[in-house]
């Protein structure tokens, strides 16, 4: 017997929240965008670096970094460099997007101003509002103590 507000009820509320749907859409767009960044790195940046360094593979393609072998184990550090470039490009683009979104969200908000210095105070004798600079109350004519 399931109780009211059990696990599945909480899960249903979680899934149907708007921010979860926004996050799911963001993940899908991010995955599609990752393909674009991978293509940019693999098809433009990697060949550019290979052309500068002058390294080519067996098939005539440009190789970044290449490989080295230790005791029969092949280390393909070119793929690692490509993955690091992918990450840096994605991180930079996400940083720019988040920065732009944050700027847009604060665009319409008013900046909070510091509270203005008080211009009035209460007379300690008659409780009337008087100027903060007054030395004598204009209502009860009492001499006011000096404010420090």
N, C-alpha and C. Protein backbone atom coordinates (compact mmCIF):
# COMPACT_ATOMS: atom_id res chain seq x y z
N UNK A 1 0.84 -1.17 0.00
CA UNK A 1 0.00 0.00 0.00
C UNK A 1 0.89 1.24 0.00
N UNK A 2 0.68 2.07 -0.99
CA UNK A 2 1.47 3.29 -1.10
C UNK A 2 0.82 4.40 -0.29
N UNK A 3 1.63 5.09 0.45
CA UNK A 3 1.09 6.19 1.24
C UNK A 3 1.08 7.47 0.41
N UNK A 4 0.26 8.41 0.82
CA UNK A 4 0.15 9.71 0.13
C UNK A 4 1.49 10.42 0.22
N UNK A 5 1.96 10.90 -0.89
CA UNK A 5 3.23 11.63 -0.89
C UNK A 5 4.43 10.70 -0.80
N UNK A 6 4.30 9.49 -1.32
CA UNK A 6 5.39 8.53 -1.28
C UNK A 6 6.46 8.85 -2.31
N UNK A 7 7.34 7.90 -2.53
CA UNK A 7 8.48 8.06 -3.42
C UNK A 7 8.05 8.42 -4.84
N UNK A 8 7.08 7.68 -5.38
CA UNK A 8 6.67 7.92 -6.76
C UNK A 8 5.95 9.26 -6.91
N UNK A 9 5.22 9.66 -5.89
CA UNK A 9 4.55 10.96 -5.92
C UNK A 9 5.59 12.08 -5.94
N UNK A 10 6.62 11.95 -5.11
CA UNK A 10 7.69 12.95 -5.10
C UNK A 10 8.42 12.97 -6.44
N UNK A 11 8.66 11.77 -6.99
CA UNK A 11 9.35 11.68 -8.28
C UNK A 11 8.53 12.35 -9.37
N UNK A 12 7.21 12.14 -9.36
CA UNK A 12 6.34 12.74 -10.36
C UNK A 12 6.38 14.26 -10.25
N UNK A 13 6.33 14.80 -9.03
CA UNK A 13 6.42 16.25 -8.84
C UNK A 13 7.75 16.78 -9.35
N UNK A 14 8.82 16.03 -9.08
CA UNK A 14 10.16 16.44 -9.52
C UNK A 14 10.25 16.50 -11.04
N UNK A 15 9.76 15.46 -11.70
CA UNK A 15 9.84 15.37 -13.16
C UNK A 15 9.00 16.44 -13.84
N UNK A 16 7.87 16.76 -13.27
CA UNK A 16 6.96 17.68 -13.92
C UNK A 16 7.26 19.15 -13.61
N UNK A 17 8.29 19.41 -12.82
CA UNK A 17 8.68 20.80 -12.57
C UNK A 17 9.26 21.39 -13.84
N UNK A 18 9.07 22.66 -14.02
CA UNK A 18 9.54 23.34 -15.22
C UNK A 18 11.05 23.34 -15.36
N UNK A 19 11.78 23.50 -14.24
CA UNK A 19 13.24 23.58 -14.35
C UNK A 19 13.85 22.25 -14.75
N UNK A 20 13.21 21.13 -14.47
CA UNK A 20 13.74 19.84 -14.91
C UNK A 20 13.60 19.72 -16.42
N UNK A 21 12.50 20.19 -16.95
CA UNK A 21 12.32 20.16 -18.40
C UNK A 21 13.32 21.09 -19.08
N UNK A 22 13.55 22.26 -18.50
CA UNK A 22 14.55 23.18 -19.04
C UNK A 22 15.93 22.54 -19.05
N UNK A 23 16.24 21.83 -17.96
CA UNK A 23 17.54 21.16 -17.86
C UNK A 23 17.66 20.07 -18.93
N UNK A 24 16.60 19.31 -19.15
CA UNK A 24 16.63 18.25 -20.16
C UNK A 24 16.86 18.83 -21.56
N UNK A 25 16.18 19.93 -21.85
CA UNK A 25 16.37 20.58 -23.15
C UNK A 25 17.80 21.08 -23.26
N UNK A 26 18.34 21.64 -22.17
CA UNK A 26 19.72 22.11 -22.16
C UNK A 26 20.72 20.99 -22.43
N UNK A 27 20.47 19.82 -21.85
CA UNK A 27 21.37 18.68 -22.07
C UNK A 27 21.33 18.25 -23.53
N UNK A 28 20.15 18.21 -24.11
CA UNK A 28 20.02 17.79 -25.52
C UNK A 28 20.71 18.80 -26.43
N UNK A 29 20.49 20.08 -26.20
CA UNK A 29 21.14 21.10 -27.02
C UNK A 29 22.65 21.06 -26.80
N UNK A 30 23.07 20.82 -25.56
CA UNK A 30 24.50 20.72 -25.26
C UNK A 30 25.15 19.56 -25.99
N UNK A 31 24.46 18.43 -26.07
CA UNK A 31 25.01 17.28 -26.79
C UNK A 31 25.14 17.58 -28.28
N UNK A 32 24.12 18.24 -28.84
CA UNK A 32 24.20 18.61 -30.25
C UNK A 32 25.31 19.62 -30.48
N UNK A 33 25.46 20.55 -29.55
CA UNK A 33 26.50 21.57 -29.68
C UNK A 33 27.88 20.94 -29.54
N UNK A 34 28.00 19.89 -28.72
CA UNK A 34 29.29 19.19 -28.57
C UNK A 34 29.73 18.60 -29.90
N UNK A 35 28.79 18.10 -30.69
CA UNK A 35 29.14 17.58 -32.02
C UNK A 35 29.71 18.68 -32.91
N UNK A 36 29.15 19.87 -32.81
CA UNK A 36 29.67 20.99 -33.60
C UNK A 36 31.09 21.33 -33.17
N UNK A 37 31.31 21.39 -31.86
CA UNK A 37 32.65 21.71 -31.35
C UNK A 37 33.65 20.62 -31.71
N UNK A 38 33.24 19.37 -31.64
CA UNK A 38 34.12 18.26 -32.03
C UNK A 38 34.49 18.37 -33.50
N UNK A 39 33.52 18.68 -34.35
CA UNK A 39 33.80 18.84 -35.77
C UNK A 39 34.74 20.03 -36.01
N UNK A 40 34.51 21.12 -35.29
CA UNK A 40 35.39 22.28 -35.42
C UNK A 40 36.82 21.92 -35.05
N UNK A 41 36.97 21.22 -33.94
CA UNK A 41 38.32 20.84 -33.50
C UNK A 41 38.95 19.85 -34.46
N UNK A 42 38.19 18.81 -34.82
CA UNK A 42 38.76 17.76 -35.68
C UNK A 42 39.00 18.18 -37.11
N UNK A 43 38.13 19.03 -37.65
CA UNK A 43 38.21 19.37 -39.06
C UNK A 43 38.95 20.67 -39.36
N UNK A 44 39.07 21.55 -38.36
CA UNK A 44 39.74 22.83 -38.62
C UNK A 44 40.95 23.07 -37.73
N UNK A 45 40.77 22.95 -36.42
CA UNK A 45 41.86 23.30 -35.50
C UNK A 45 42.97 22.26 -35.54
N UNK A 46 42.63 20.98 -35.48
CA UNK A 46 43.65 19.93 -35.51
C UNK A 46 44.46 19.98 -36.80
N UNK A 47 43.85 20.08 -37.98
CA UNK A 47 44.65 20.20 -39.20
C UNK A 47 45.51 21.46 -39.23
N UNK A 48 45.00 22.54 -38.67
CA UNK A 48 45.78 23.77 -38.63
C UNK A 48 47.04 23.59 -37.78
N UNK A 49 46.89 22.96 -36.62
CA UNK A 49 48.06 22.70 -35.76
C UNK A 49 49.00 21.73 -36.46
N UNK A 50 48.44 20.70 -37.10
CA UNK A 50 49.28 19.74 -37.83
C UNK A 50 50.02 20.39 -38.99
N UNK A 51 49.36 21.33 -39.67
CA UNK A 51 50.02 22.02 -40.77
C UNK A 51 51.16 22.90 -40.27
N UNK A 52 50.98 23.48 -39.10
CA UNK A 52 52.03 24.32 -38.52
C UNK A 52 53.22 23.46 -38.08
N UNK A 53 52.92 22.31 -37.45
CA UNK A 53 53.99 21.43 -36.98
C UNK A 53 54.54 20.55 -38.08
N UNK A 54 53.79 20.36 -39.17
CA UNK A 54 54.26 19.58 -40.31
C UNK A 54 54.17 18.09 -40.14
N UNK A 55 53.34 17.61 -39.22
CA UNK A 55 53.20 16.17 -39.01
C UNK A 55 52.04 15.63 -39.83
N UNK A 56 52.28 14.51 -40.51
CA UNK A 56 51.22 13.84 -41.26
C UNK A 56 51.19 12.37 -40.89
N UNK A 57 50.01 11.78 -40.98
CA UNK A 57 49.88 10.37 -40.66
C UNK A 57 50.18 9.50 -41.86
N UNK A 58 50.02 8.18 -41.68
CA UNK A 58 50.29 7.22 -42.76
C UNK A 58 49.33 7.41 -43.93
N UNK A 59 48.09 7.84 -43.62
CA UNK A 59 47.10 8.01 -44.68
C UNK A 59 47.18 9.39 -45.33
N UNK A 60 48.17 10.17 -44.96
CA UNK A 60 48.33 11.51 -45.53
C UNK A 60 47.59 12.58 -44.75
N UNK A 61 46.81 12.17 -43.75
CA UNK A 61 46.09 13.14 -42.93
C UNK A 61 47.02 13.82 -41.94
N UNK A 62 46.58 14.94 -41.44
CA UNK A 62 47.38 15.70 -40.49
C UNK A 62 47.24 15.09 -39.10
N UNK A 63 48.35 14.99 -38.38
CA UNK A 63 48.36 14.39 -37.05
C UNK A 63 48.79 15.46 -36.05
N UNK A 64 48.04 15.60 -34.99
CA UNK A 64 48.45 16.49 -33.91
C UNK A 64 49.10 15.64 -32.84
N UNK A 65 50.33 15.94 -32.53
CA UNK A 65 51.03 15.21 -31.48
C UNK A 65 51.45 13.83 -31.92
N UNK A 66 50.49 13.00 -32.25
CA UNK A 66 50.81 11.65 -32.69
C UNK A 66 50.74 10.65 -31.56
N UNK A 67 51.61 9.63 -31.66
CA UNK A 67 51.61 8.57 -30.67
C UNK A 67 53.04 8.23 -30.29
N UNK A 68 53.16 7.55 -29.16
CA UNK A 68 54.43 6.95 -28.81
C UNK A 68 54.14 5.61 -28.15
N UNK A 69 55.11 4.72 -28.19
CA UNK A 69 54.92 3.37 -27.69
C UNK A 69 55.91 3.08 -26.58
N UNK A 70 55.41 2.49 -25.49
CA UNK A 70 56.25 2.06 -24.37
C UNK A 70 55.89 0.61 -24.08
N UNK A 71 56.86 -0.30 -24.25
CA UNK A 71 56.65 -1.74 -24.00
C UNK A 71 55.41 -2.27 -24.71
N UNK A 72 55.20 -1.83 -25.93
CA UNK A 72 54.08 -2.32 -26.72
C UNK A 72 52.78 -1.58 -26.49
N UNK A 73 52.71 -0.70 -25.48
CA UNK A 73 51.50 0.08 -25.23
C UNK A 73 51.57 1.38 -26.04
N UNK A 74 50.53 1.65 -26.81
CA UNK A 74 50.50 2.83 -27.67
C UNK A 74 49.77 3.95 -26.94
N UNK A 75 50.43 5.08 -26.82
CA UNK A 75 49.85 6.26 -26.19
C UNK A 75 49.55 7.28 -27.30
N UNK A 76 48.27 7.55 -27.52
CA UNK A 76 47.85 8.47 -28.56
C UNK A 76 47.59 9.84 -27.92
N UNK A 77 48.64 10.60 -27.73
CA UNK A 77 48.48 11.89 -27.07
C UNK A 77 47.85 12.92 -28.00
N UNK A 78 47.79 12.66 -29.28
CA UNK A 78 47.08 13.55 -30.20
C UNK A 78 45.60 13.60 -29.90
N UNK A 79 45.00 12.45 -29.60
CA UNK A 79 43.58 12.42 -29.23
C UNK A 79 43.34 13.17 -27.92
N UNK A 80 44.29 13.05 -26.98
CA UNK A 80 44.16 13.76 -25.72
C UNK A 80 44.19 15.27 -25.95
N UNK A 81 45.10 15.74 -26.79
CA UNK A 81 45.18 17.17 -27.09
C UNK A 81 43.88 17.64 -27.73
N UNK A 82 43.34 16.83 -28.62
CA UNK A 82 42.07 17.17 -29.27
C UNK A 82 40.94 17.25 -28.24
N UNK A 83 40.89 16.32 -27.30
CA UNK A 83 39.86 16.33 -26.26
C UNK A 83 40.00 17.56 -25.35
N UNK A 84 41.24 17.93 -25.02
CA UNK A 84 41.46 19.12 -24.21
C UNK A 84 40.99 20.37 -24.95
N UNK A 85 41.29 20.44 -26.25
CA UNK A 85 40.82 21.58 -27.05
C UNK A 85 39.30 21.64 -27.08
N UNK A 86 38.66 20.48 -27.25
CA UNK A 86 37.19 20.43 -27.21
C UNK A 86 36.66 20.99 -25.90
N UNK A 87 37.25 20.54 -24.80
CA UNK A 87 36.80 20.99 -23.48
C UNK A 87 36.99 22.49 -23.32
N UNK A 88 38.14 23.01 -23.70
CA UNK A 88 38.40 24.44 -23.54
C UNK A 88 37.44 25.29 -24.38
N UNK A 89 37.15 24.83 -25.59
CA UNK A 89 36.21 25.57 -26.44
C UNK A 89 34.82 25.55 -25.83
N UNK A 90 34.37 24.37 -25.37
CA UNK A 90 33.05 24.27 -24.75
C UNK A 90 32.97 25.11 -23.48
N UNK A 91 34.00 25.06 -22.64
CA UNK A 91 34.00 25.83 -21.40
C UNK A 91 33.94 27.33 -21.69
N UNK A 92 34.70 27.77 -22.70
CA UNK A 92 34.70 29.18 -23.05
C UNK A 92 33.34 29.63 -23.56
N UNK A 93 32.73 28.83 -24.41
CA UNK A 93 31.41 29.19 -24.96
C UNK A 93 30.35 29.19 -23.87
N UNK A 94 30.37 28.19 -22.98
CA UNK A 94 29.41 28.17 -21.88
C UNK A 94 29.62 29.36 -20.95
N UNK A 95 30.88 29.72 -20.68
CA UNK A 95 31.17 30.88 -19.85
C UNK A 95 30.57 32.14 -20.48
N UNK A 96 30.76 32.31 -21.78
CA UNK A 96 30.22 33.49 -22.47
C UNK A 96 28.69 33.50 -22.43
N UNK A 97 28.06 32.35 -22.63
CA UNK A 97 26.61 32.27 -22.59
C UNK A 97 26.06 32.59 -21.21
N UNK A 98 26.65 32.00 -20.18
CA UNK A 98 26.17 32.23 -18.81
C UNK A 98 26.38 33.69 -18.42
N UNK A 99 27.51 34.25 -18.83
CA UNK A 99 27.78 35.65 -18.53
C UNK A 99 26.74 36.55 -19.20
N UNK A 100 26.39 36.25 -20.45
CA UNK A 100 25.38 37.04 -21.16
C UNK A 100 24.01 36.90 -20.51
N UNK A 101 23.64 35.68 -20.12
CA UNK A 101 22.35 35.46 -19.47
C UNK A 101 22.29 36.20 -18.15
N UNK A 102 23.36 36.14 -17.37
CA UNK A 102 23.39 36.86 -16.09
C UNK A 102 23.27 38.36 -16.30
N UNK A 103 23.90 38.87 -17.33
CA UNK A 103 23.82 40.30 -17.62
C UNK A 103 22.39 40.67 -18.04
N UNK A 104 21.74 39.80 -18.82
CA UNK A 104 20.37 40.07 -19.24
C UNK A 104 19.39 40.03 -18.06
N UNK A 105 19.61 39.13 -17.12
CA UNK A 105 18.69 39.03 -15.99
C UNK A 105 18.82 40.22 -15.05
N UNK A 106 19.99 40.84 -14.98
CA UNK A 106 20.16 42.00 -14.11
C UNK A 106 19.88 43.31 -14.85
N UNK A 107 19.61 43.24 -16.15
CA UNK A 107 19.40 44.43 -16.96
C UNK A 107 18.20 45.24 -16.49
N UNK A 108 17.09 44.59 -16.21
CA UNK A 108 15.88 45.30 -15.82
C UNK A 108 15.79 45.64 -14.35
N UNK A 109 16.66 45.09 -13.54
CA UNK A 109 16.59 45.31 -12.10
C UNK A 109 17.23 46.65 -11.74
N UNK A 110 16.62 47.32 -10.78
CA UNK A 110 17.18 48.56 -10.29
C UNK A 110 18.25 48.23 -9.26
N UNK A 111 19.30 49.02 -9.29
CA UNK A 111 20.34 48.84 -8.29
C UNK A 111 19.84 49.38 -6.96
N UNK A 112 20.12 48.63 -5.91
CA UNK A 112 19.70 49.07 -4.59
C UNK A 112 20.63 50.18 -4.13
N UNK A 113 20.01 51.28 -3.74
CA UNK A 113 20.79 52.40 -3.26
C UNK A 113 20.93 52.30 -1.75
N UNK A 114 22.03 52.84 -1.27
CA UNK A 114 22.24 52.85 0.17
C UNK A 114 21.19 53.78 0.78
N UNK A 115 20.71 53.46 1.97
CA UNK A 115 19.71 54.32 2.59
C UNK A 115 20.28 55.72 2.82
N UNK A 116 19.45 56.71 2.57
CA UNK A 116 19.90 58.09 2.73
C UNK A 116 20.11 58.40 4.21
N UNK A 117 21.02 59.33 4.44
CA UNK A 117 21.25 59.76 5.82
C UNK A 117 19.98 60.40 6.36
N UNK A 118 19.65 60.16 7.62
CA UNK A 118 18.43 60.75 8.17
C UNK A 118 18.54 62.29 8.22
N UNK A 119 17.43 62.94 7.95
CA UNK A 119 17.40 64.41 8.01
C UNK A 119 16.57 64.90 9.18
N UNK A 120 15.87 63.97 9.83
CA UNK A 120 15.04 64.34 10.98
C UNK A 120 15.32 63.42 12.15
N UNK A 121 14.98 63.95 13.33
CA UNK A 121 15.08 63.16 14.56
C UNK A 121 13.90 63.51 15.44
N UNK A 122 13.69 62.72 16.48
CA UNK A 122 12.61 62.99 17.42
C UNK A 122 13.15 63.82 18.57
N UNK A 123 12.36 64.82 18.97
CA UNK A 123 12.70 65.59 20.17
C UNK A 123 12.51 64.67 21.37
N UNK A 124 13.51 64.55 22.24
CA UNK A 124 13.37 63.63 23.38
C UNK A 124 12.34 64.10 24.40
N UNK A 125 11.89 65.36 24.31
CA UNK A 125 10.96 65.90 25.30
C UNK A 125 9.52 65.85 24.82
N UNK A 126 9.26 66.33 23.58
CA UNK A 126 7.87 66.37 23.10
C UNK A 126 7.59 65.36 22.00
N UNK A 127 8.60 64.61 21.55
CA UNK A 127 8.49 63.57 20.54
C UNK A 127 8.08 64.09 19.17
N UNK A 128 8.29 65.37 18.89
CA UNK A 128 8.01 65.94 17.57
C UNK A 128 9.18 65.68 16.64
N UNK A 129 8.90 65.61 15.35
CA UNK A 129 9.95 65.45 14.34
C UNK A 129 10.61 66.81 14.14
N UNK A 130 11.93 66.85 14.26
CA UNK A 130 12.67 68.10 14.08
C UNK A 130 13.89 67.83 13.22
N UNK A 131 14.51 68.88 12.73
CA UNK A 131 15.70 68.75 11.91
C UNK A 131 16.81 68.11 12.73
N UNK A 132 17.62 67.30 12.05
CA UNK A 132 18.71 66.62 12.75
C UNK A 132 19.77 67.62 13.22
N UNK A 133 19.82 68.80 12.60
CA UNK A 133 20.81 69.81 12.95
C UNK A 133 20.33 70.74 14.07
N UNK A 134 19.08 70.61 14.47
CA UNK A 134 18.51 71.54 15.47
C UNK A 134 19.19 71.36 16.83
N UNK A 135 19.38 72.50 17.51
CA UNK A 135 19.93 72.48 18.88
C UNK A 135 18.85 72.83 19.89
N UNK A 136 17.70 73.33 19.38
CA UNK A 136 16.56 73.66 20.24
C UNK A 136 15.30 73.21 19.50
N UNK A 137 14.37 72.61 20.20
CA UNK A 137 13.13 72.13 19.58
C UNK A 137 12.24 73.33 19.25
N UNK A 138 11.78 73.44 17.99
CA UNK A 138 10.92 74.57 17.64
C UNK A 138 9.51 74.44 18.22
N UNK A 139 9.15 73.26 18.71
CA UNK A 139 7.80 73.05 19.24
C UNK A 139 7.73 73.30 20.75
N UNK A 140 8.67 72.71 21.50
CA UNK A 140 8.62 72.86 22.95
C UNK A 140 9.74 73.77 23.48
N UNK A 141 10.57 74.25 22.63
CA UNK A 141 11.70 75.15 22.89
C UNK A 141 12.72 74.59 23.88
N UNK A 142 12.75 73.29 24.04
CA UNK A 142 13.73 72.67 24.92
C UNK A 142 15.09 72.66 24.24
N UNK A 143 16.13 72.83 25.03
CA UNK A 143 17.48 72.69 24.48
C UNK A 143 17.76 71.20 24.32
N UNK A 144 18.31 70.86 23.17
CA UNK A 144 18.55 69.45 22.86
C UNK A 144 19.99 69.08 23.20
N UNK A 145 20.17 67.86 23.67
CA UNK A 145 21.56 67.41 23.93
C UNK A 145 22.33 67.31 22.61
N UNK A 146 23.61 67.53 22.67
CA UNK A 146 24.45 67.46 21.47
C UNK A 146 24.55 66.01 20.99
N UNK A 147 24.47 65.86 19.69
CA UNK A 147 24.60 64.53 19.08
C UNK A 147 26.05 64.34 18.68
N UNK A 148 26.61 63.20 19.02
CA UNK A 148 28.02 62.95 18.70
C UNK A 148 28.18 62.04 17.54
